[in-house]
Amino acid sequence: MRELLLDGSKLHDWDDIHDWFAEQLGFPDYYGRNLDALWDCLGDYAAPPLRLRWRGFEESQARLGPDGAQSLLQLLRDAETELDGFTVVVE
């Protein structure tokens, strides 16, 4: 199983988050850089089995705002239920 580390201490804004996902999962150049596009690309590029560890979630909440971080977490939780072999661990 491949494991990726989303490190909240290194992500300062939404651009950093979209850059990280695009780089780690090999999203295409036309990736839309919003949550809807992230959802679409996870289904196409996540290639389970994959474990995503989100370290420093509280830091992410401080930088993205509680609603922003929660929206991203909910999207990842939804992906967990939709994509066999995709797992999210929040630390």
PDB file of N, CA and C in Angstrom:
ATOM      1  N   MET A   1       0.852  -1.182   0.000  1.00  0.00           N
ATOM      2  CA  MET A   1       0.000   0.000   0.000  1.00  0.00           C
ATOM      3  C   MET A   1       0.894   1.240   0.000  1.00  0.00           C
ATOM      4  N   ARG A   2       0.569   2.153  -0.869  1.00  0.00           N
ATOM      5  CA  ARG A   2       1.295   3.418  -0.925  1.00  0.00           C
ATOM      6  C   ARG A   2       0.737   4.349   0.141  1.00  0.00           C
ATOM      7  N   GLU A   3       1.621   5.109   0.779  1.00  0.00           N
ATOM      8  CA  GLU A   3       1.198   6.054   1.807  1.00  0.00           C
ATOM      9  C   GLU A   3       1.747   7.426   1.470  1.00  0.00           C
ATOM     10  N   LEU A   4       0.884   8.429   1.567  1.00  0.00           N
ATOM     11  CA  LEU A   4       1.273   9.813   1.333  1.00  0.00           C
ATOM     12  C   LEU A   4       1.059  10.615   2.608  1.00  0.00           C
ATOM     13  N   LEU A   5       1.960  11.550   2.862  1.00  0.00           N
ATOM     14  CA  LEU A   5       1.871  12.390   4.050  1.00  0.00           C
ATOM     15  C   LEU A   5       1.514  13.811   3.646  1.00  0.00           C
ATOM     16  N   LEU A   6       0.333  14.247   4.041  1.00  0.00           N
ATOM     17  CA  LEU A   6      -0.102  15.627   3.872  1.00  0.00           C
ATOM     18  C   LEU A   6       0.261  16.336   5.169  1.00  0.00           C
ATOM     19  N   ASP A   7       1.312  17.131   5.137  1.00  0.00           N
ATOM     20  CA  ASP A   7       1.867  17.755   6.339  1.00  0.00           C
ATOM     21  C   ASP A   7       1.323  19.174   6.489  1.00  0.00           C
ATOM     22  N   GLY A   8       0.414  19.344   7.438  1.00  0.00           N
ATOM     23  CA  GLY A   8      -0.224  20.637   7.658  1.00  0.00           C
ATOM     24  C   GLY A   8       0.741  21.763   7.968  1.00  0.00           C
ATOM     25  N   SER A   9       1.912  21.451   8.499  1.00  0.00           N
ATOM     26  CA  SER A   9       2.882  22.505   8.822  1.00  0.00           C
ATOM     27  C   SER A   9       3.534  23.087   7.566  1.00  0.00           C
ATOM     28  N   LYS A  10       3.406  22.393   6.440  1.00  0.00           N
ATOM     29  CA  LYS A  10       4.029  22.864   5.202  1.00  0.00           C
ATOM     30  C   LYS A  10       3.026  23.440   4.215  1.00  0.00           C
ATOM     31  N   LEU A  11       1.759  23.399   4.591  1.00  0.00           N
ATOM     32  CA  LEU A  11       0.706  23.894   3.709  1.00  0.00           C
ATOM     33  C   LEU A  11       0.132  25.177   4.287  1.00  0.00           C
ATOM     34  N   HIS A  12       0.319  26.267   3.580  1.00  0.00           N
ATOM     35  CA  HIS A  12      -0.072  27.564   4.125  1.00  0.00           C
ATOM     36  C   HIS A  12      -1.396  28.086   3.595  1.00  0.00           C
ATOM     37  N   ASP A  13      -1.816  27.566   2.437  1.00  0.00           N
ATOM     38  CA  ASP A  13      -3.052  28.057   1.838  1.00  0.00           C
ATOM     39  C   ASP A  13      -3.578  27.018   0.850  1.00  0.00           C
ATOM     40  N   TRP A  14      -4.687  27.351   0.194  1.00  0.00           N
ATOM     41  CA  TRP A  14      -5.306  26.416  -0.745  1.00  0.00           C
ATOM     42  C   TRP A  14      -4.406  26.118  -1.929  1.00  0.00           C
ATOM     43  N   ASP A  15      -3.629  27.107  -2.366  1.00  0.00           N
ATOM     44  CA  ASP A  15      -2.713  26.850  -3.479  1.00  0.00           C
ATOM     45  C   ASP A  15      -1.739  25.735  -3.125  1.00  0.00           C
ATOM     46  N   ASP A  16      -1.207  25.771  -1.895  1.00  0.00           N
ATOM     47  CA  ASP A  16      -0.290  24.714  -1.463  1.00  0.00           C
ATOM     48  C   ASP A  16      -0.972  23.347  -1.465  1.00  0.00           C
ATOM     49  N   ILE A  17      -2.205  23.301  -1.022  1.00  0.00           N
ATOM     50  CA  ILE A  17      -2.928  22.030  -0.974  1.00  0.00           C
ATOM     51  C   ILE A  17      -3.151  21.488  -2.384  1.00  0.00           C
ATOM     52  N   HIS A  18      -3.612  22.337  -3.270  1.00  0.00           N
ATOM     53  CA  HIS A  18      -3.844  21.875  -4.642  1.00  0.00           C
ATOM     54  C   HIS A  18      -2.534  21.483  -5.323  1.00  0.00           C
ATOM     55  N   ASP A  19      -1.471  22.248  -5.077  1.00  0.00           N
ATOM     56  CA  ASP A  19      -0.155  21.878  -5.615  1.00  0.00           C
ATOM     57  C   ASP A  19       0.266  20.509  -5.108  1.00  0.00           C
ATOM     58  N   TRP A  20       0.074  20.262  -3.816  1.00  0.00           N
ATOM     59  CA  TRP A  20       0.495  18.996  -3.215  1.00  0.00           C
ATOM     60  C   TRP A  20      -0.258  17.822  -3.847  1.00  0.00           C
ATOM     61  N   PHE A  21      -1.581  17.920  -3.909  1.00  0.00           N
ATOM     62  CA  PHE A  21      -2.358  16.826  -4.494  1.00  0.00           C
ATOM     63  C   PHE A  21      -1.974  16.607  -5.956  1.00  0.00           C
ATOM     64  N   ALA A  22      -1.849  17.691  -6.716  1.00  0.00           N
ATOM     65  CA  ALA A  22      -1.507  17.565  -8.136  1.00  0.00           C
ATOM     66  C   ALA A  22      -0.158  16.890  -8.318  1.00  0.00           C
ATOM     67  N   GLU A  23       0.811  17.262  -7.505  1.00  0.00           N
ATOM     68  CA  GLU A  23       2.152  16.681  -7.620  1.00  0.00           C
ATOM     69  C   GLU A  23       2.171  15.228  -7.154  1.00  0.00           C
ATOM     70  N   GLN A  24       1.591  14.964  -5.990  1.00  0.00           N
ATOM     71  CA  GLN A  24       1.644  13.621  -5.410  1.00  0.00           C
ATOM     72  C   GLN A  24       0.872  12.588  -6.225  1.00  0.00           C
ATOM     73  N   LEU A  25      -0.234  13.004  -6.816  1.00  0.00           N
ATOM     74  CA  LEU A  25      -1.089  12.050  -7.512  1.00  0.00           C
ATOM     75  C   LEU A  25      -1.022  12.181  -9.032  1.00  0.00           C
ATOM     76  N   GLY A  26      -0.198  13.098  -9.520  1.00  0.00           N
ATOM     77  CA  GLY A  26      -0.009  13.214 -10.962  1.00  0.00           C
ATOM     78  C   GLY A  26      -1.212  13.741 -11.719  1.00  0.00           C
ATOM     79  N   PHE A  27      -1.874  14.746 -11.152  1.00  0.00           N
ATOM     80  CA  PHE A  27      -3.037  15.328 -11.815  1.00  0.00           C
ATOM     81  C   PHE A  27      -2.600  15.993 -13.125  1.00  0.00           C
ATOM     82  N   PRO A  28      -3.500  16.080 -14.075  1.00  0.00           N
ATOM     83  CA  PRO A  28      -3.167  16.710 -15.366  1.00  0.00           C
ATOM     84  C   PRO A  28      -3.043  18.229 -15.230  1.00  0.00           C
ATOM     85  N   ASP A  29      -2.442  18.840 -16.235  1.00  0.00           N
ATOM     86  CA  ASP A  29      -2.243  20.294 -16.230  1.00  0.00           C
ATOM     87  C   ASP A  29      -3.557  21.065 -16.161  1.00  0.00           C
ATOM     88  N   TYR A  30      -4.624  20.479 -16.653  1.00  0.00           N
ATOM     89  CA  TYR A  30      -5.914  21.178 -16.660  1.00  0.00           C
ATOM     90  C   TYR A  30      -6.692  21.017 -15.347  1.00  0.00           C
ATOM     91  N   TYR A  31      -6.064  20.444 -14.317  1.00  0.00           N
ATOM     92  CA  TYR A  31      -6.713  20.298 -13.006  1.00  0.00           C
ATOM     93  C   TYR A  31      -7.273  21.648 -12.560  1.00  0.00           C
ATOM     94  N   GLY A  32      -8.545  21.667 -12.171  1.00  0.00           N
ATOM     95  CA  GLY A  32      -9.260  22.906 -11.893  1.00  0.00           C
ATOM     96  C   GLY A  32      -8.950  23.595 -10.569  1.00  0.00           C
ATOM     97  N   ARG A  33      -8.221  22.947  -9.657  1.00  0.00           N
ATOM     98  CA  ARG A  33      -7.766  23.558  -8.408  1.00  0.00           C
ATOM     99  C   ARG A  33      -8.918  24.068  -7.540  1.00  0.00           C
ATOM    100  N   ASN A  34      -9.949  23.238  -7.403  1.00  0.00           N
ATOM    101  CA  ASN A  34     -11.033  23.504  -6.472  1.00  0.00           C
ATOM    102  C   ASN A  34     -11.498  22.145  -5.950  1.00  0.00           C
ATOM    103  N   LEU A  35     -12.398  22.143  -4.981  1.00  0.00           N
ATOM    104  CA  LEU A  35     -12.795  20.879  -4.367  1.00  0.00           C
ATOM    105  C   LEU A  35     -13.537  19.955  -5.333  1.00  0.00           C
ATOM    106  N   ASP A  36     -14.323  20.502  -6.231  1.00  0.00           N
ATOM    107  CA  ASP A  36     -15.005  19.651  -7.207  1.00  0.00           C
ATOM    108  C   ASP A  36     -13.992  18.964  -8.124  1.00  0.00           C
ATOM    109  N   ALA A  37     -13.009  19.718  -8.577  1.00  0.00           N
ATOM    110  CA  ALA A  37     -11.970  19.138  -9.440  1.00  0.00           C
ATOM    111  C   ALA A  37     -11.126  18.133  -8.664  1.00  0.00           C
ATOM    112  N   LEU A  38     -10.866  18.415  -7.389  1.00  0.00           N
ATOM    113  CA  LEU A  38     -10.112  17.474  -6.557  1.00  0.00           C
ATOM    114  C   LEU A  38     -10.877  16.157  -6.453  1.00  0.00           C
ATOM    115  N   TRP A  39     -12.169  16.234  -6.224  1.00  0.00           N
ATOM    116  CA  TRP A  39     -13.000  15.030  -6.137  1.00  0.00           C
ATOM    117  C   TRP A  39     -12.893  14.214  -7.426  1.00  0.00           C
ATOM    118  N   ASP A  40     -13.042  14.893  -8.553  1.00  0.00           N
ATOM    119  CA  ASP A  40     -12.971  14.196  -9.838  1.00  0.00           C
ATOM    120  C   ASP A  40     -11.614  13.531 -10.039  1.00  0.00           C
ATOM    121  N   CYS A  41     -10.547  14.243  -9.722  1.00  0.00           N
ATOM    122  CA  CYS A  41      -9.208  13.709  -9.944  1.00  0.00           C
ATOM    123  C   CYS A  41      -8.859  12.598  -8.957  1.00  0.00           C
ATOM    124  N   LEU A  42      -9.376  12.671  -7.736  1.00  0.00           N
ATOM    125  CA  LEU A  42      -9.120  11.567  -6.801  1.00  0.00           C
ATOM    126  C   LEU A  42      -9.637  10.261  -7.384  1.00  0.00           C
ATOM    127  N   GLY A  43     -10.825  10.312  -7.959  1.00  0.00           N
ATOM    128  CA  GLY A  43     -11.392   9.112  -8.545  1.00  0.00           C
ATOM    129  C   GLY A  43     -10.574   8.581  -9.708  1.00  0.00           C
ATOM    130  N   ASP A  44      -9.945   9.474 -10.441  1.00  0.00           N
ATOM    131  CA  ASP A  44      -9.187   9.068 -11.630  1.00  0.00           C
ATOM    132  C   ASP A  44      -7.713   8.781 -11.364  1.00  0.00           C
ATOM    133  N   TYR A  45      -7.119   9.427 -10.336  1.00  0.00           N
ATOM    134  CA  TYR A  45      -5.666   9.370 -10.170  1.00  0.00           C
ATOM    135  C   TYR A  45      -5.176   8.835  -8.827  1.00  0.00           C
ATOM    136  N   ALA A  46      -6.057   8.576  -7.876  1.00  0.00           N
ATOM    137  CA  ALA A  46      -5.592   8.143  -6.552  1.00  0.00           C
ATOM    138  C   ALA A  46      -4.936   6.772  -6.581  1.00  0.00           C
ATOM    139  N   ALA A  47      -5.358   5.896  -7.464  1.00  0.00           N
ATOM    140  CA  ALA A  47      -4.764   4.562  -7.629  1.00  0.00           C
ATOM    141  C   ALA A  47      -4.629   3.804  -6.308  1.00  0.00           C
ATOM    142  N   PRO A  48      -5.762   3.487  -5.657  1.00  0.00           N
ATOM    143  CA  PRO A  48      -5.712   2.680  -4.442  1.00  0.00           C
ATOM    144  C   PRO A  48      -5.065   1.323  -4.709  1.00  0.00           C
ATOM    145  N   PRO A  49      -4.507   0.672  -3.723  1.00  0.00           N
ATOM    146  CA  PRO A  49      -4.602   1.043  -2.308  1.00  0.00           C
ATOM    147  C   PRO A  49      -3.685   2.218  -1.977  1.00  0.00           C
ATOM    148  N   LEU A  50      -4.255   3.162  -1.254  1.00  0.00           N
ATOM    149  CA  LEU A  50      -3.544   4.389  -0.893  1.00  0.00           C
ATOM    150  C   LEU A  50      -4.007   4.843   0.481  1.00  0.00           C
ATOM    151  N   ARG A  51      -3.055   5.117   1.344  1.00  0.00           N
ATOM    152  CA  ARG A  51      -3.354   5.699   2.662  1.00  0.00           C
ATOM    153  C   ARG A  51      -2.826   7.131   2.647  1.00  0.00           C
ATOM    154  N   LEU A  52      -3.702   8.061   2.987  1.00  0.00           N
ATOM    155  CA  LEU A  52      -3.321   9.460   3.091  1.00  0.00           C
ATOM    156  C   LEU A  52      -3.286   9.828   4.565  1.00  0.00           C
ATOM    157  N   ARG A  53      -2.135  10.189   5.055  1.00  0.00           N
ATOM    158  CA  ARG A  53      -1.993  10.633   6.445  1.00  0.00           C
ATOM    159  C   ARG A  53      -1.939  12.157   6.445  1.00  0.00           C
ATOM    160  N   TRP A  54      -2.863  12.772   7.181  1.00  0.00           N
ATOM    161  CA  TRP A  54      -2.894  14.226   7.293  1.00  0.00           C
ATOM    162  C   TRP A  54      -2.355  14.578   8.669  1.00  0.00           C
ATOM    163  N   ARG A  55      -1.090  14.925   8.707  1.00  0.00           N
ATOM    164  CA  ARG A  55      -0.437  15.305   9.964  1.00  0.00           C
ATOM    165  C   ARG A  55      -0.600  16.814  10.163  1.00  0.00           C
ATOM    166  N   GLY A  56      -0.815  17.223  11.389  1.00  0.00           N
ATOM    167  CA  GLY A  56      -0.951  18.642  11.687  1.00  0.00           C
ATOM    168  C   GLY A  56      -2.286  19.215  11.239  1.00  0.00           C
ATOM    169  N   PHE A  57      -3.345  18.427  11.425  1.00  0.00           N
ATOM    170  CA  PHE A  57      -4.672  18.880  11.009  1.00  0.00           C
ATOM    171  C   PHE A  57      -5.054  20.194  11.694  1.00  0.00           C
ATOM    172  N   GLU A  58      -4.695  20.335  12.962  1.00  0.00           N
ATOM    173  CA  GLU A  58      -5.041  21.576  13.679  1.00  0.00           C
ATOM    174  C   GLU A  58      -4.350  22.783  13.057  1.00  0.00           C
ATOM    175  N   GLU A  59      -3.103  22.597  12.605  1.00  0.00           N
ATOM    176  CA  GLU A  59      -2.417  23.692  11.905  1.00  0.00           C
ATOM    177  C   GLU A  59      -3.156  24.034  10.612  1.00  0.00           C
ATOM    178  N   SER A  60      -3.602  23.016   9.924  1.00  0.00           N
ATOM    179  CA  SER A  60      -4.354  23.245   8.684  1.00  0.00           C
ATOM    180  C   SER A  60      -5.630  24.017   8.966  1.00  0.00           C
ATOM    181  N   GLN A  61      -6.305  23.692  10.063  1.00  0.00           N
ATOM    182  CA  GLN A  61      -7.522  24.427  10.422  1.00  0.00           C
ATOM    183  C   GLN A  61      -7.212  25.901  10.670  1.00  0.00           C
ATOM    184  N   ALA A  62      -6.100  26.176  11.326  1.00  0.00           N
ATOM    185  CA  ALA A  62      -5.732  27.560  11.611  1.00  0.00           C
ATOM    186  C   ALA A  62      -5.435  28.324  10.317  1.00  0.00           C
ATOM    187  N   ARG A  63      -4.837  27.655   9.349  1.00  0.00           N
ATOM    188  CA  ARG A  63      -4.439  28.333   8.114  1.00  0.00           C
ATOM    189  C   ARG A  63      -5.575  28.415   7.093  1.00  0.00           C
ATOM    190  N   LEU A  64      -6.388  27.379   7.024  1.00  0.00           N
ATOM    191  CA  LEU A  64      -7.463  27.342   6.028  1.00  0.00           C
ATOM    192  C   LEU A  64      -8.796  27.793   6.589  1.00  0.00           C
ATOM    193  N   GLY A  65      -8.831  27.968   7.898  1.00  0.00           N
ATOM    194  CA  GLY A  65     -10.089  28.242   8.567  1.00  0.00           C
ATOM    195  C   GLY A  65     -10.761  26.922   8.873  1.00  0.00           C
ATOM    196  N   PRO A  66     -11.508  26.847   9.957  1.00  0.00           N
ATOM    197  CA  PRO A  66     -12.137  25.590  10.338  1.00  0.00           C
ATOM    198  C   PRO A  66     -13.046  25.032   9.252  1.00  0.00           C
ATOM    199  N   ASP A  67     -13.784  25.901   8.565  1.00  0.00           N
ATOM    200  CA  ASP A  67     -14.682  25.414   7.517  1.00  0.00           C
ATOM    201  C   ASP A  67     -13.904  24.854   6.331  1.00  0.00           C
ATOM    202  N   GLY A  68     -12.797  25.500   5.978  1.00  0.00           N
ATOM    203  CA  GLY A  68     -11.994  25.035   4.849  1.00  0.00           C
ATOM    204  C   GLY A  68     -11.391  23.668   5.105  1.00  0.00           C
ATOM    205  N   ALA A  69     -10.769  23.517   6.260  1.00  0.00           N
ATOM    206  CA  ALA A  69     -10.149  22.240   6.602  1.00  0.00           C
ATOM    207  C   ALA A  69     -11.209  21.154   6.726  1.00  0.00           C
ATOM    208  N   GLN A  70     -12.351  21.479   7.306  1.00  0.00           N
ATOM    209  CA  GLN A  70     -13.422  20.495   7.446  1.00  0.00           C
ATOM    210  C   GLN A  70     -13.993  20.096   6.089  1.00  0.00           C
ATOM    211  N   SER A  71     -14.093  21.046   5.177  1.00  0.00           N
ATOM    212  CA  SER A  71     -14.594  20.734   3.835  1.00  0.00           C
ATOM    213  C   SER A  71     -13.670  19.762   3.122  1.00  0.00           C
ATOM    214  N   LEU A  72     -12.367  20.011   3.240  1.00  0.00           N
ATOM    215  CA  LEU A  72     -11.402  19.099   2.630  1.00  0.00           C
ATOM    216  C   LEU A  72     -11.450  17.734   3.295  1.00  0.00           C
ATOM    217  N   LEU A  73     -11.532  17.717   4.619  1.00  0.00           N
ATOM    218  CA  LEU A  73     -11.605  16.441   5.326  1.00  0.00           C
ATOM    219  C   LEU A  73     -12.865  15.672   4.932  1.00  0.00           C
ATOM    220  N   GLN A  74     -13.984  16.355   4.803  1.00  0.00           N
ATOM    221  CA  GLN A  74     -15.218  15.678   4.411  1.00  0.00           C
ATOM    222  C   GLN A  74     -15.085  15.087   3.014  1.00  0.00           C
ATOM    223  N   LEU A  75     -14.474  15.821   2.107  1.00  0.00           N
ATOM    224  CA  LEU A  75     -14.253  15.295   0.764  1.00  0.00           C
ATOM    225  C   LEU A  75     -13.405  14.026   0.826  1.00  0.00           C
ATOM    226  N   LEU A  76     -12.362  14.040   1.642  1.00  0.00           N
ATOM    227  CA  LEU A  76     -11.495  12.862   1.768  1.00  0.00           C
ATOM    228  C   LEU A  76     -12.229  11.703   2.431  1.00  0.00           C
ATOM    229  N   ARG A  77     -13.074  11.987   3.411  1.00  0.00           N
ATOM    230  CA  ARG A  77     -13.885  10.935   4.049  1.00  0.00           C
ATOM    231  C   ARG A  77     -14.874  10.337   3.040  1.00  0.00           C
ATOM    232  N   ASP A  78     -15.449  11.193   2.207  1.00  0.00           N
ATOM    233  CA  ASP A  78     -16.345  10.697   1.167  1.00  0.00           C
ATOM    234  C   ASP A  78     -15.587   9.798   0.195  1.00  0.00           C
ATOM    235  N   ALA A  79     -14.363  10.188  -0.142  1.00  0.00           N
ATOM    236  CA  ALA A  79     -13.535   9.367  -1.035  1.00  0.00           C
ATOM    237  C   ALA A  79     -13.257   8.011  -0.392  1.00  0.00           C
ATOM    238  N   GLU A  80     -13.094   8.008   0.933  1.00  0.00           N
ATOM    239  CA  GLU A  80     -12.874   6.745   1.644  1.00  0.00           C
ATOM    240  C   GLU A  80     -14.032   5.771   1.415  1.00  0.00           C
ATOM    241  N   THR A  81     -15.244   6.296   1.408  1.00  0.00           N
ATOM    242  CA  THR A  81     -16.406   5.422   1.235  1.00  0.00           C
ATOM    243  C   THR A  81     -16.619   5.042  -0.229  1.00  0.00           C
ATOM    244  N   GLU A  82     -16.156   5.866  -1.143  1.00  0.00           N
ATOM    245  CA  GLU A  82     -16.399   5.633  -2.571  1.00  0.00           C
ATOM    246  C   GLU A  82     -15.280   4.855  -3.264  1.00  0.00           C
ATOM    247  N   LEU A  83     -14.055   5.010  -2.806  1.00  0.00           N
ATOM    248  CA  LEU A  83     -12.903   4.394  -3.479  1.00  0.00           C
ATOM    249  C   LEU A  83     -12.386   3.234  -2.644  1.00  0.00           C
ATOM    250  N   ASP A  84     -12.535   2.034  -3.139  1.00  0.00           N
ATOM    251  CA  ASP A  84     -12.009   0.862  -2.423  1.00  0.00           C
ATOM    252  C   ASP A  84     -10.494   0.993  -2.282  1.00  0.00           C
ATOM    253  N   GLY A  85     -10.023   0.840  -1.043  1.00  0.00           N
ATOM    254  CA  GLY A  85      -8.599   0.882  -0.795  1.00  0.00           C
ATOM    255  C   GLY A  85      -8.039   2.266  -0.535  1.00  0.00           C
ATOM    256  N   PHE A  86      -8.889   3.293  -0.461  1.00  0.00           N
ATOM    257  CA  PHE A  86      -8.448   4.642  -0.134  1.00  0.00           C
ATOM    258  C   PHE A  86      -8.756   4.884   1.336  1.00  0.00           C
ATOM    259  N   THR A  87      -7.736   5.257   2.099  1.00  0.00           N
ATOM    260  CA  THR A  87      -7.880   5.446   3.541  1.00  0.00           C
ATOM    261  C   THR A  87      -7.300   6.792   3.938  1.00  0.00           C
ATOM    262  N   VAL A  88      -7.967   7.456   4.893  1.00  0.00           N
ATOM    263  CA  VAL A  88      -7.497   8.737   5.424  1.00  0.00           C
ATOM    264  C   VAL A  88      -7.280   8.579   6.916  1.00  0.00           C
ATOM    265  N   VAL A  89      -6.117   9.034   7.374  1.00  0.00           N
ATOM    266  CA  VAL A  89      -5.785   9.040   8.803  1.00  0.00           C
ATOM    267  C   VAL A  89      -5.455  10.480   9.174  1.00  0.00           C
ATOM    268  N   VAL A  90      -6.133  11.014  10.163  1.00  0.00           N
ATOM    269  CA  VAL A  90      -5.909  12.389  10.610  1.00  0.00           C
ATOM    270  C   VAL A  90      -5.127  12.335  11.914  1.00  0.00           C
ATOM    271  N   GLU A  91      -4.052  13.080  11.957  1.00  0.00           N
ATOM    272  CA  GLU A  91      -3.190  13.104  13.153  1.00  0.00           C
ATOM    273  C   GLU A  91      -3.099  14.511  13.702  1.00  0.00           C
TER     274      GLU A  91
END
